[in-house]
Structure formats: structure tokens, C-alpha cells
């Protein structure tokens, strides 16, 4: 099963989500729209980190994590 990594912008946590779930969310999105999830721990916004979750967080300017 293919998994996609999602990173929380609040705590830096990473969740692995099955790709078919992401596909279900994409039905209502525009092709360029990003799928976001809600962090279960901190209620922060989670974005898909296509390659490296930590590098993705640094691009967002997140330098502190609440683990």
C-alpha cells in the first residue's frame, strides 16, 4: 500500500496516510489545490511532505516543534 507523509506545522509530527485516502480528498479540489489534514495531537494543519518531512517544515518556516 502506498503511503503519503503529512507533517504538522504546529508540532512537527509526521503521519503516514494511505494514498487512496488522499485521492478521496482530491475529488473536491482543484488540480493545483493542496490536501490538508488536521493534526490529532495539536489540531494544527498538516501538509503533504512529498520527499523529506523535515525539509518541508523548514520551507514553511517552522523551526520549533512541540513533541
C-alpha atoms as a PDB file:
ATOM      1  CA  UNK A   1       0.000   0.000   0.000  1.00  0.00           C
ATOM      2  CA  UNK A   2       1.357   3.396  -0.982  1.00  0.00           C
ATOM      3  CA  UNK A   3       1.616   5.910   1.861  1.00  0.00           C
ATOM      4  CA  UNK A   4       1.926   9.699   1.832  1.00  0.00           C
ATOM      5  CA  UNK A   5       3.715  11.601   4.624  1.00  0.00           C
ATOM      6  CA  UNK A   6       1.863  14.533   6.164  1.00  0.00           C
ATOM      7  CA  UNK A   7       3.645  16.951   8.506  1.00  0.00           C
ATOM      8  CA  UNK A   8       2.029  19.107  11.209  1.00  0.00           C
ATOM      9  CA  UNK A   9       3.030  22.773  11.135  1.00  0.00           C
ATOM     10  CA  UNK A  10       2.456  23.060  14.909  1.00  0.00           C
ATOM     11  CA  UNK A  11       4.236  20.054  16.407  1.00  0.00           C
ATOM     12  CA  UNK A  12       6.313  18.738  13.505  1.00  0.00           C
ATOM     13  CA  UNK A  13       4.666  15.340  13.822  1.00  0.00           C
ATOM     14  CA  UNK A  14       4.533  13.104  10.775  1.00  0.00           C
ATOM     15  CA  UNK A  15       1.579  10.869   9.878  1.00  0.00           C
ATOM     16  CA  UNK A  16       1.620   8.279   7.131  1.00  0.00           C
ATOM     17  CA  UNK A  17      -1.706   8.306   5.282  1.00  0.00           C
ATOM     18  CA  UNK A  18      -2.773   5.754   2.654  1.00  0.00           C
ATOM     19  CA  UNK A  19      -2.639   7.294  -0.830  1.00  0.00           C
ATOM     20  CA  UNK A  20      -6.197   6.181  -1.638  1.00  0.00           C
ATOM     21  CA  UNK A  21      -7.475   8.371   1.228  1.00  0.00           C
ATOM     22  CA  UNK A  22      -5.704  11.378  -0.283  1.00  0.00           C
ATOM     23  CA  UNK A  23      -7.289  10.501  -3.622  1.00  0.00           C
ATOM     24  CA  UNK A  24     -10.717  10.701  -1.986  1.00  0.00           C
ATOM     25  CA  UNK A  25      -9.945  14.222  -0.702  1.00  0.00           C
ATOM     26  CA  UNK A  26      -8.763  15.301  -4.176  1.00  0.00           C
ATOM     27  CA  UNK A  27     -12.239  14.753  -5.684  1.00  0.00           C
ATOM     28  CA  UNK A  28     -13.421  18.165  -4.444  1.00  0.00           C
ATOM     29  CA  UNK A  29     -10.128  20.021  -5.010  1.00  0.00           C
ATOM     30  CA  UNK A  30      -8.782  21.911  -7.979  1.00  0.00           C
ATOM     31  CA  UNK A  31      -5.771  20.185  -9.573  1.00  0.00           C
ATOM     32  CA  UNK A  32      -3.347  22.692  -8.013  1.00  0.00           C
ATOM     33  CA  UNK A  33      -5.079  22.597  -4.603  1.00  0.00           C
ATOM     34  CA  UNK A  34      -3.242  21.049  -1.677  1.00  0.00           C
ATOM     35  CA  UNK A  35      -4.848  18.449   0.542  1.00  0.00           C
ATOM     36  CA  UNK A  36      -4.578  19.374   4.216  1.00  0.00           C
ATOM     37  CA  UNK A  37      -5.359  17.305   7.280  1.00  0.00           C
ATOM     38  CA  UNK A  38      -5.800  18.187  10.942  1.00  0.00           C
ATOM     39  CA  UNK A  39      -3.201  17.026  13.463  1.00  0.00           C
ATOM     40  CA  UNK A  40      -4.827  14.781  16.053  1.00  0.00           C
ATOM     41  CA  UNK A  41      -2.400  15.890  18.755  1.00  0.00           C
ATOM     42  CA  UNK A  42      -2.205  19.697  18.330  1.00  0.00           C
ATOM     43  CA  UNK A  43      -5.084  20.438  15.909  1.00  0.00           C
ATOM     44  CA  UNK A  44      -2.556  22.069  13.603  1.00  0.00           C
ATOM     45  CA  UNK A  45      -2.702  21.989   9.829  1.00  0.00           C
ATOM     46  CA  UNK A  46      -0.891  19.079   8.200  1.00  0.00           C
ATOM     47  CA  UNK A  47       0.528  19.354   4.680  1.00  0.00           C
ATOM     48  CA  UNK A  48       1.847  16.599   2.468  1.00  0.00           C
ATOM     49  CA  UNK A  49       5.636  16.334   2.546  1.00  0.00           C
ATOM     50  CA  UNK A  50       6.397  14.735  -0.784  1.00  0.00           C
ATOM     51  CA  UNK A  51      10.085  13.980  -0.133  1.00  0.00           C
ATOM     52  CA  UNK A  52      11.585  14.937   3.229  1.00  0.00           C
ATOM     53  CA  UNK A  53       9.218  15.964   6.060  1.00  0.00           C
ATOM     54  CA  UNK A  54      11.877  17.971   7.955  1.00  0.00           C
ATOM     55  CA  UNK A  55      12.946  19.872   4.853  1.00  0.00           C
ATOM     56  CA  UNK A  56       9.295  20.644   4.177  1.00  0.00           C
ATOM     57  CA  UNK A  57       8.881  22.132   7.659  1.00  0.00           C
ATOM     58  CA  UNK A  58      11.912  24.356   7.189  1.00  0.00           C
ATOM     59  CA  UNK A  59      10.379  25.673   3.946  1.00  0.00           C
ATOM     60  CA  UNK A  60       7.289  26.634   5.939  1.00  0.00           C
ATOM     61  CA  UNK A  61       9.475  28.456   8.471  1.00  0.00           C
ATOM     62  CA  UNK A  62       8.753  26.028  11.312  1.00  0.00           C
ATOM     63  CA  UNK A  63      11.831  25.796  13.494  1.00  0.00           C
ATOM     64  CA  UNK A  64      10.358  24.727  16.837  1.00  0.00           C
ATOM     65  CA  UNK A  65       8.458  21.510  17.401  1.00  0.00           C
ATOM     66  CA  UNK A  66       6.145  20.673  20.323  1.00  0.00           C
ATOM     67  CA  UNK A  67       6.742  16.935  20.595  1.00  0.00           C
END
